[in-house]
PDB file of all heavy atoms in Angstrom:
ATOM      1  N   GLY A   1       6.900  -4.684   3.200  1.00  0.00           N
ATOM      2  CA  GLY A   1       6.961  -5.896   2.451  1.00  0.00           C
ATOM      3  C   GLY A   1       5.580  -6.508   2.248  1.00  0.00           C
ATOM      4  O   GLY A   1       5.281  -7.018   1.100  1.00  0.00           O
ATOM      5  N   ILE A   2       4.771  -6.509   3.245  1.00  0.00           N
ATOM      6  CA  ILE A   2       3.424  -7.047   3.133  1.00  0.00           C
ATOM      7  C   ILE A   2       2.634  -6.255   2.109  1.00  0.00           C
ATOM      8  O   ILE A   2       1.880  -6.737   1.320  1.00  0.00           O
ATOM      9  CB  ILE A   2       2.763  -7.015   4.562  1.00  0.00           C
ATOM     10  CG1 ILE A   2       3.412  -8.009   5.464  1.00  0.00           C
ATOM     11  CG2 ILE A   2       1.210  -7.355   4.337  1.00  0.00           C
ATOM     12  CD1 ILE A   2       2.883  -7.936   6.886  1.00  0.00           C
ATOM     13  N   TYR A   3       2.813  -4.923   2.165  1.00  0.00           N
ATOM     14  CA  TYR A   3       2.128  -4.053   1.174  1.00  0.00           C
ATOM     15  C   TYR A   3       2.550  -4.407  -0.233  1.00  0.00           C
ATOM     16  O   TYR A   3       1.769  -4.417  -1.213  1.00  0.00           O
ATOM     17  CB  TYR A   3       2.395  -2.627   1.462  1.00  0.00           C
ATOM     18  CG  TYR A   3       1.901  -1.679   0.405  1.00  0.00           C
ATOM     19  CD1 TYR A   3       0.521  -1.535   0.177  1.00  0.00           C
ATOM     20  CD2 TYR A   3       2.752  -0.960  -0.431  1.00  0.00           C
ATOM     21  CE1 TYR A   3       0.066  -0.695  -0.797  1.00  0.00           C
ATOM     22  CE2 TYR A   3       2.301  -0.102  -1.400  1.00  0.00           C
ATOM     23  CZ  TYR A   3       0.912  -0.004  -1.607  1.00  0.00           C
ATOM     24  OH  TYR A   3       0.417   0.866  -2.585  1.00  0.00           O
ATOM     25  N   GLY A   4       3.874  -4.682  -0.394  1.00  0.00           N
ATOM     26  CA  GLY A   4       4.309  -5.054  -1.763  1.00  0.00           C
ATOM     27  C   GLY A   4       3.651  -6.309  -2.271  1.00  0.00           C
ATOM     28  O   GLY A   4       3.328  -6.392  -3.489  1.00  0.00           O
ATOM     29  N   VAL A   5       3.540  -7.327  -1.476  1.00  0.00           N
ATOM     30  CA  VAL A   5       2.835  -8.551  -1.879  1.00  0.00           C
ATOM     31  C   VAL A   5       1.387  -8.279  -2.267  1.00  0.00           C
ATOM     32  O   VAL A   5       0.905  -8.698  -3.303  1.00  0.00           O
ATOM     33  CB  VAL A   5       2.952  -9.636  -0.742  1.00  0.00           C
ATOM     34  CG1 VAL A   5       2.053 -10.859  -1.152  1.00  0.00           C
ATOM     35  CG2 VAL A   5       4.311 -10.034  -0.474  1.00  0.00           C
ATOM     36  N   MET A   6       0.668  -7.532  -1.374  1.00  0.00           N
ATOM     37  CA  MET A   6      -0.674  -7.179  -1.658  1.00  0.00           C
ATOM     38  C   MET A   6      -0.801  -6.300  -2.962  1.00  0.00           C
ATOM     39  O   MET A   6      -1.692  -6.604  -3.729  1.00  0.00           O
ATOM     40  CB  MET A   6      -1.228  -6.345  -0.476  1.00  0.00           C
ATOM     41  CG  MET A   6      -2.663  -5.946  -0.644  1.00  0.00           C
ATOM     42  SD  MET A   6      -3.297  -4.954   0.751  1.00  0.00           S
ATOM     43  CE  MET A   6      -2.304  -3.441   0.490  1.00  0.00           C
ATOM     44  N   ARG A   7       0.084  -5.407  -3.140  1.00  0.00           N
ATOM     45  CA  ARG A   7       0.045  -4.529  -4.296  1.00  0.00           C
ATOM     46  C   ARG A   7       0.303  -5.335  -5.586  1.00  0.00           C
ATOM     47  O   ARG A   7      -0.395  -5.080  -6.641  1.00  0.00           O
ATOM     48  CB  ARG A   7       1.139  -3.424  -4.197  1.00  0.00           C
ATOM     49  CG  ARG A   7       0.911  -2.335  -5.185  1.00  0.00           C
ATOM     50  CD  ARG A   7      -0.292  -1.491  -4.853  1.00  0.00           C
ATOM     51  NE  ARG A   7      -0.547  -0.380  -5.702  1.00  0.00           N
ATOM     52  CZ  ARG A   7      -1.287  -0.372  -6.760  1.00  0.00           C
ATOM     53  NH1 ARG A   7      -1.966  -1.527  -7.133  1.00  0.00           N
ATOM     54  NH2 ARG A   7      -1.472   0.697  -7.510  1.00  0.00           N
ATOM     55  N   ALA A   8       1.186  -6.274  -5.580  1.00  0.00           N
ATOM     56  CA  ALA A   8       1.510  -7.067  -6.757  1.00  0.00           C
ATOM     57  C   ALA A   8       0.247  -7.950  -7.126  1.00  0.00           C
ATOM     58  O   ALA A   8      -0.056  -8.083  -8.334  1.00  0.00           O
ATOM     59  CB  ALA A   8       2.684  -7.955  -6.528  1.00  0.00           C
ATOM     60  N   ILE A   9      -0.392  -8.538  -6.077  1.00  0.00           N
ATOM     61  CA  ILE A   9      -1.530  -9.337  -6.381  1.00  0.00           C
ATOM     62  C   ILE A   9      -2.669  -8.535  -6.998  1.00  0.00           C
ATOM     63  O   ILE A   9      -3.270  -8.937  -7.967  1.00  0.00           O
ATOM     64  CB  ILE A   9      -2.032 -10.048  -5.084  1.00  0.00           C
ATOM     65  CG1 ILE A   9      -0.978 -11.047  -4.627  1.00  0.00           C
ATOM     66  CG2 ILE A   9      -3.334 -10.749  -5.260  1.00  0.00           C
ATOM     67  CD1 ILE A   9      -1.246 -11.701  -3.270  1.00  0.00           C
ATOM     68  N   PHE A  10      -2.931  -7.375  -6.435  1.00  0.00           N
ATOM     69  CA  PHE A  10      -4.009  -6.513  -6.918  1.00  0.00           C
ATOM     70  C   PHE A  10      -3.668  -6.019  -8.330  1.00  0.00           C
ATOM     71  O   PHE A  10      -4.516  -5.804  -9.149  1.00  0.00           O
ATOM     72  CB  PHE A  10      -4.333  -5.435  -5.950  1.00  0.00           C
ATOM     73  CG  PHE A  10      -5.218  -5.776  -4.845  1.00  0.00           C
ATOM     74  CD1 PHE A  10      -4.747  -6.335  -3.660  1.00  0.00           C
ATOM     75  CD2 PHE A  10      -6.648  -5.642  -4.968  1.00  0.00           C
ATOM     76  CE1 PHE A  10      -5.593  -6.751  -2.647  1.00  0.00           C
ATOM     77  CE2 PHE A  10      -7.466  -5.989  -3.922  1.00  0.00           C
ATOM     78  CZ  PHE A  10      -7.001  -6.524  -2.803  1.00  0.00           C
ATOM     79  N   ALA A  11      -2.412  -5.689  -8.526  1.00  0.00           N
ATOM     80  CA  ALA A  11      -1.996  -5.171  -9.856  1.00  0.00           C
ATOM     81  C   ALA A  11      -2.206  -6.221 -10.934  1.00  0.00           C
ATOM     82  O   ALA A  11      -2.538  -5.861 -12.075  1.00  0.00           O
ATOM     83  CB  ALA A  11      -0.519  -4.778  -9.802  1.00  0.00           C
ATOM     84  N   ALA A  12      -2.077  -7.553 -10.604  1.00  0.00           N
ATOM     85  CA  ALA A  12      -2.238  -8.548 -11.564  1.00  0.00           C
ATOM     86  C   ALA A  12      -3.699  -8.585 -12.047  1.00  0.00           C
ATOM     87  O   ALA A  12      -3.980  -9.080 -13.162  1.00  0.00           O
ATOM     88  CB  ALA A  12      -1.863  -9.942 -10.948  1.00  0.00           C
ATOM     89  N   PHE A  13      -4.640  -8.051 -11.225  1.00  0.00           N
ATOM     90  CA  PHE A  13      -6.042  -8.008 -11.677  1.00  0.00           C
ATOM     91  C   PHE A  13      -6.425  -6.593 -12.029  1.00  0.00           C
ATOM     92  O   PHE A  13      -7.577  -6.267 -12.179  1.00  0.00           O
ATOM     93  CB  PHE A  13      -6.917  -8.445 -10.494  1.00  0.00           C
ATOM     94  CG  PHE A  13      -6.759  -9.918 -10.164  1.00  0.00           C
ATOM     95  CD1 PHE A  13      -5.915 -10.382  -9.162  1.00  0.00           C
ATOM     96  CD2 PHE A  13      -7.458 -10.914 -10.886  1.00  0.00           C
ATOM     97  CE1 PHE A  13      -5.713 -11.652  -8.870  1.00  0.00           C
ATOM     98  CE2 PHE A  13      -7.299 -12.243 -10.595  1.00  0.00           C
ATOM     99  CZ  PHE A  13      -6.418 -12.650  -9.541  1.00  0.00           C
ATOM    100  N   ASN A  14      -5.362  -5.721 -12.196  1.00  0.00           N
ATOM    101  CA  ASN A  14      -5.562  -4.365 -12.707  1.00  0.00           C
ATOM    102  C   ASN A  14      -6.434  -3.555 -11.699  1.00  0.00           C
ATOM    103  O   ASN A  14      -7.229  -2.744 -12.112  1.00  0.00           O
ATOM    104  CB  ASN A  14      -6.179  -4.340 -14.079  1.00  0.00           C
ATOM    105  CG  ASN A  14      -5.879  -2.977 -14.784  1.00  0.00           C
ATOM    106  OD1 ASN A  14      -4.897  -2.356 -14.584  1.00  0.00           O
ATOM    107  ND2 ASN A  14      -6.834  -2.533 -15.551  1.00  0.00           N
ATOM    108  N   VAL A  15      -6.268  -3.856 -10.425  1.00  0.00           N
ATOM    109  CA  VAL A  15      -7.066  -3.118  -9.377  1.00  0.00           C
ATOM    110  C   VAL A  15      -6.083  -2.187  -8.658  1.00  0.00           C
ATOM    111  O   VAL A  15      -5.110  -2.604  -8.078  1.00  0.00           O
ATOM    112  CB  VAL A  15      -7.655  -4.107  -8.350  1.00  0.00           C
ATOM    113  CG1 VAL A  15      -8.381  -3.344  -7.307  1.00  0.00           C
ATOM    114  CG2 VAL A  15      -8.591  -5.036  -9.053  1.00  0.00           C
ATOM    115  N   GLY A  16      -6.379  -0.873  -8.752  1.00  0.00           N
ATOM    116  CA  GLY A  16      -5.577   0.118  -8.066  1.00  0.00           C
ATOM    117  C   GLY A  16      -6.351   0.758  -6.978  1.00  0.00           C
ATOM    118  O   GLY A  16      -7.565   0.816  -6.959  1.00  0.00           O
ATOM    119  N   PHE A  17      -5.613   1.223  -5.946  1.00  0.00           N
ATOM    120  CA  PHE A  17      -6.333   1.941  -4.873  1.00  0.00           C
ATOM    121  C   PHE A  17      -5.608   3.249  -4.475  1.00  0.00           C
ATOM    122  O   PHE A  17      -5.385   3.567  -3.332  1.00  0.00           O
ATOM    123  CB  PHE A  17      -6.475   1.081  -3.589  1.00  0.00           C
ATOM    124  CG  PHE A  17      -5.390  -0.008  -3.471  1.00  0.00           C
ATOM    125  CD1 PHE A  17      -4.069   0.315  -3.112  1.00  0.00           C
ATOM    126  CD2 PHE A  17      -5.718  -1.336  -3.699  1.00  0.00           C
ATOM    127  CE1 PHE A  17      -3.106  -0.712  -3.009  1.00  0.00           C
ATOM    128  CE2 PHE A  17      -4.756  -2.336  -3.559  1.00  0.00           C
ATOM    129  CZ  PHE A  17      -3.462  -1.975  -3.238  1.00  0.00           C
ATOM    130  N   GLY A  18      -5.246   3.967  -5.509  1.00  0.00           N
ATOM    131  CA  GLY A  18      -4.833   5.352  -5.274  1.00  0.00           C
ATOM    132  C   GLY A  18      -3.316   5.611  -5.325  1.00  0.00           C
ATOM    133  O   GLY A  18      -2.921   6.666  -5.553  1.00  0.00           O
ATOM    134  N   GLY A  19      -2.521   4.516  -5.132  1.00  0.00           N
ATOM    135  CA  GLY A  19      -1.091   4.757  -5.232  1.00  0.00           C
ATOM    136  C   GLY A  19      -0.505   5.474  -4.097  1.00  0.00           C
ATOM    137  O   GLY A  19      -0.997   5.409  -2.933  1.00  0.00           O
ATOM    138  N   VAL A  20       0.570   6.233  -4.327  1.00  0.00           N
ATOM    139  CA  VAL A  20       1.339   6.884  -3.280  1.00  0.00           C
ATOM    140  C   VAL A  20       0.495   7.922  -2.524  1.00  0.00           C
ATOM    141  O   VAL A  20       0.480   7.912  -1.310  1.00  0.00           O
ATOM    142  CB  VAL A  20       2.617   7.505  -3.836  1.00  0.00           C
ATOM    143  CG1 VAL A  20       3.296   8.290  -2.794  1.00  0.00           C
ATOM    144  CG2 VAL A  20       3.519   6.465  -4.424  1.00  0.00           C
ATOM    145  N   ALA A  21      -0.187   8.785  -3.278  1.00  0.00           N
ATOM    146  CA  ALA A  21      -0.899   9.850  -2.604  1.00  0.00           C
ATOM    147  C   ALA A  21      -2.101   9.403  -1.831  1.00  0.00           C
ATOM    148  O   ALA A  21      -2.380   9.937  -0.766  1.00  0.00           O
ATOM    149  CB  ALA A  21      -1.352  10.896  -3.708  1.00  0.00           C
ATOM    150  N   SER A  22      -2.854   8.450  -2.361  1.00  0.00           N
ATOM    151  CA  SER A  22      -4.162   8.070  -1.718  1.00  0.00           C
ATOM    152  C   SER A  22      -4.097   6.819  -0.944  1.00  0.00           C
ATOM    153  O   SER A  22      -5.081   6.455  -0.233  1.00  0.00           O
ATOM    154  CB  SER A  22      -5.191   7.898  -2.848  1.00  0.00           C
ATOM    155  OG  SER A  22      -5.367   9.073  -3.555  1.00  0.00           O
ATOM    156  N   PHE A  23      -2.924   6.112  -0.854  1.00  0.00           N
ATOM    157  CA  PHE A  23      -2.875   4.931  -0.008  1.00  0.00           C
ATOM    158  C   PHE A  23      -1.574   4.823   0.804  1.00  0.00           C
ATOM    159  O   PHE A  23      -1.625   4.606   2.048  1.00  0.00           O
ATOM    160  CB  PHE A  23      -3.037   3.687  -0.839  1.00  0.00           C
ATOM    161  CG  PHE A  23      -3.390   2.405  -0.037  1.00  0.00           C
ATOM    162  CD1 PHE A  23      -4.693   2.171   0.342  1.00  0.00           C
ATOM    163  CD2 PHE A  23      -2.341   1.590   0.367  1.00  0.00           C
ATOM    164  CE1 PHE A  23      -4.952   1.024   1.161  1.00  0.00           C
ATOM    165  CE2 PHE A  23      -2.619   0.422   1.141  1.00  0.00           C
ATOM    166  CZ  PHE A  23      -3.942   0.186   1.499  1.00  0.00           C
ATOM    167  N   VAL A  24      -0.443   5.000   0.137  1.00  0.00           N
ATOM    168  CA  VAL A  24       0.828   4.894   0.838  1.00  0.00           C
ATOM    169  C   VAL A  24       0.950   5.908   1.912  1.00  0.00           C
ATOM    170  O   VAL A  24       1.297   5.592   3.055  1.00  0.00           O
ATOM    171  CB  VAL A  24       1.980   4.981  -0.175  1.00  0.00           C
ATOM    172  CG1 VAL A  24       3.295   5.059   0.614  1.00  0.00           C
ATOM    173  CG2 VAL A  24       2.000   3.820  -1.094  1.00  0.00           C
ATOM    174  N   ARG A  25       0.638   7.196   1.624  1.00  0.00           N
ATOM    175  CA  ARG A  25       0.847   8.289   2.560  1.00  0.00           C
ATOM    176  C   ARG A  25      -0.105   8.212   3.696  1.00  0.00           C
ATOM    177  O   ARG A  25       0.289   8.306   4.868  1.00  0.00           O
ATOM    178  CB  ARG A  25       0.737   9.686   1.892  1.00  0.00           C
ATOM    179  CG  ARG A  25       1.047  10.828   2.778  1.00  0.00           C
ATOM    180  CD  ARG A  25       0.779  12.116   2.076  1.00  0.00           C
ATOM    181  NE  ARG A  25      -0.653  12.279   1.818  1.00  0.00           N
ATOM    182  CZ  ARG A  25      -1.564  12.729   2.657  1.00  0.00           C
ATOM    183  NH1 ARG A  25      -1.212  13.045   3.860  1.00  0.00           N
ATOM    184  NH2 ARG A  25      -2.835  12.814   2.316  1.00  0.00           N
ATOM    185  N   PRO A  26      -1.472   7.991   3.437  1.00  0.00           N
ATOM    186  CA  PRO A  26      -2.397   8.010   4.560  1.00  0.00           C
ATOM    187  C   PRO A  26      -2.535   6.744   5.330  1.00  0.00           C
ATOM    188  O   PRO A  26      -3.046   6.650   6.419  1.00  0.00           O
ATOM    189  CB  PRO A  26      -3.726   8.387   3.886  1.00  0.00           C
ATOM    190  CG  PRO A  26      -3.614   7.872   2.543  1.00  0.00           C
ATOM    191  CD  PRO A  26      -2.138   7.986   2.175  1.00  0.00           C
ATOM    192  N   VAL A  27      -2.062   5.592   4.743  1.00  0.00           N
ATOM    193  CA  VAL A  27      -2.251   4.275   5.391  1.00  0.00           C
ATOM    194  C   VAL A  27      -0.934   3.608   5.687  1.00  0.00           C
ATOM    195  O   VAL A  27      -0.660   3.241   6.888  1.00  0.00           O
ATOM    196  CB  VAL A  27      -3.114   3.304   4.450  1.00  0.00           C
ATOM    197  CG1 VAL A  27      -3.285   1.968   5.094  1.00  0.00           C
ATOM    198  CG2 VAL A  27      -4.466   3.989   4.211  1.00  0.00           C
ATOM    199  N   ILE A  28      -0.139   3.370   4.661  1.00  0.00           N
ATOM    200  CA  ILE A  28       1.192   2.643   4.914  1.00  0.00           C
ATOM    201  C   ILE A  28       2.103   3.356   5.777  1.00  0.00           C
ATOM    202  O   ILE A  28       2.715   2.797   6.686  1.00  0.00           O
ATOM    203  CB  ILE A  28       1.809   2.280   3.545  1.00  0.00           C
ATOM    204  CG1 ILE A  28       0.850   1.414   2.722  1.00  0.00           C
ATOM    205  CG2 ILE A  28       3.137   1.492   3.777  1.00  0.00           C
ATOM    206  CD1 ILE A  28       0.358   0.118   3.335  1.00  0.00           C
ATOM    207  N   MET A  29       2.293   4.642   5.609  1.00  0.00           N
ATOM    208  CA  MET A  29       3.232   5.430   6.361  1.00  0.00           C
ATOM    209  C   MET A  29       2.838   5.446   7.805  1.00  0.00           C
ATOM    210  O   MET A  29       3.736   5.306   8.745  1.00  0.00           O
ATOM    211  CB  MET A  29       3.428   6.816   5.795  1.00  0.00           C
ATOM    212  CG  MET A  29       4.247   6.860   4.500  1.00  0.00           C
ATOM    213  SD  MET A  29       5.782   6.041   4.604  1.00  0.00           S
ATOM    214  CE  MET A  29       6.579   6.959   5.944  1.00  0.00           C
ATOM    215  N   PRO A  30       1.577   5.762   8.199  1.00  0.00           N
ATOM    216  CA  PRO A  30       1.208   5.666   9.617  1.00  0.00           C
ATOM    217  C   PRO A  30       1.451   4.328  10.226  1.00  0.00           C
ATOM    218  O   PRO A  30       1.792   4.175  11.410  1.00  0.00           O
ATOM    219  CB  PRO A  30      -0.253   6.016   9.612  1.00  0.00           C
ATOM    220  CG  PRO A  30      -0.476   6.843   8.416  1.00  0.00           C
ATOM    221  CD  PRO A  30       0.442   6.267   7.373  1.00  0.00           C
ATOM    222  N   MET A  31       1.233   3.253   9.421  1.00  0.00           N
ATOM    223  CA  MET A  31       1.497   1.879   9.933  1.00  0.00           C
ATOM    224  C   MET A  31       3.004   1.669  10.162  1.00  0.00           C
ATOM    225  O   MET A  31       3.405   1.001  11.148  1.00  0.00           O
ATOM    226  CB  MET A  31       0.932   0.806   8.954  1.00  0.00           C
ATOM    227  CG  MET A  31      -0.585   0.910   8.824  1.00  0.00           C
ATOM    228  SD  MET A  31      -1.232  -0.340   7.678  1.00  0.00           S
ATOM    229  CE  MET A  31      -0.972  -1.887   8.595  1.00  0.00           C
ATOM    230  N   ALA A  32       3.838   2.179   9.253  1.00  0.00           N
ATOM    231  CA  ALA A  32       5.279   2.059   9.376  1.00  0.00           C
ATOM    232  C   ALA A  32       5.707   2.879  10.689  1.00  0.00           C
ATOM    233  O   ALA A  32       6.574   2.401  11.406  1.00  0.00           O
ATOM    234  CB  ALA A  32       5.940   2.614   8.171  1.00  0.00           C
ATOM    235  N   GLU A  33       5.094   3.996  10.852  1.00  0.00           N
ATOM    236  CA  GLU A  33       5.427   4.809  12.023  1.00  0.00           C
ATOM    237  C   GLU A  33       4.961   4.094  13.334  1.00  0.00           C
ATOM    238  O   GLU A  33       5.645   4.095  14.376  1.00  0.00           O
ATOM    239  CB  GLU A  33       4.766   6.210  11.917  1.00  0.00           C
ATOM    240  CG  GLU A  33       5.134   7.081  13.093  1.00  0.00           C
ATOM    241  CD  GLU A  33       4.560   8.512  12.890  1.00  0.00           C
ATOM    242  OE1 GLU A  33       3.975   8.731  11.801  1.00  0.00           O
ATOM    243  OE2 GLU A  33       4.562   9.301  13.803  1.00  0.00           O
ATOM    244  N   GLY A  34       3.789   3.457  13.247  1.00  0.00           N
ATOM    245  CA  GLY A  34       3.282   2.756  14.365  1.00  0.00           C
ATOM    246  C   GLY A  34       4.188   1.577  14.748  1.00  0.00           C
ATOM    247  O   GLY A  34       4.305   1.204  15.918  1.00  0.00           O
ATOM    248  N   ALA A  35       4.693   0.938  13.731  1.00  0.00           N
ATOM    249  CA  ALA A  35       5.651  -0.217  13.975  1.00  0.00           C
ATOM    250  C   ALA A  35       6.931   0.280  14.805  1.00  0.00           C
ATOM    251  O   ALA A  35       7.391  -0.424  15.632  1.00  0.00           O
ATOM    252  CB  ALA A  35       6.116  -0.842  12.689  1.00  0.00           C
ATOM    253  N   ILE A  36       7.357   1.489  14.488  1.00  0.00           N
ATOM    254  CA  ILE A  36       8.539   2.039  15.216  1.00  0.00           C
ATOM    255  C   ILE A  36       8.154   2.341  16.647  1.00  0.00           C
ATOM    256  O   ILE A  36       8.870   1.968  17.551  1.00  0.00           O
ATOM    257  CB  ILE A  36       9.005   3.367  14.514  1.00  0.00           C
ATOM    258  CG1 ILE A  36       9.495   3.047  13.064  1.00  0.00           C
ATOM    259  CG2 ILE A  36      10.131   3.978  15.363  1.00  0.00           C
ATOM    260  CD1 ILE A  36       9.876   4.309  12.328  1.00  0.00           C
TER     261      ILE A  36
END
């Protein structure tokens, strides 16, 4: 959810940081696993 808010804000300024392959998989997924 936090990533969704951050992604929407950055998208409004047309700023991308790699999408699924370059950000979700190496950053968001380990954080989700760490939360578990």
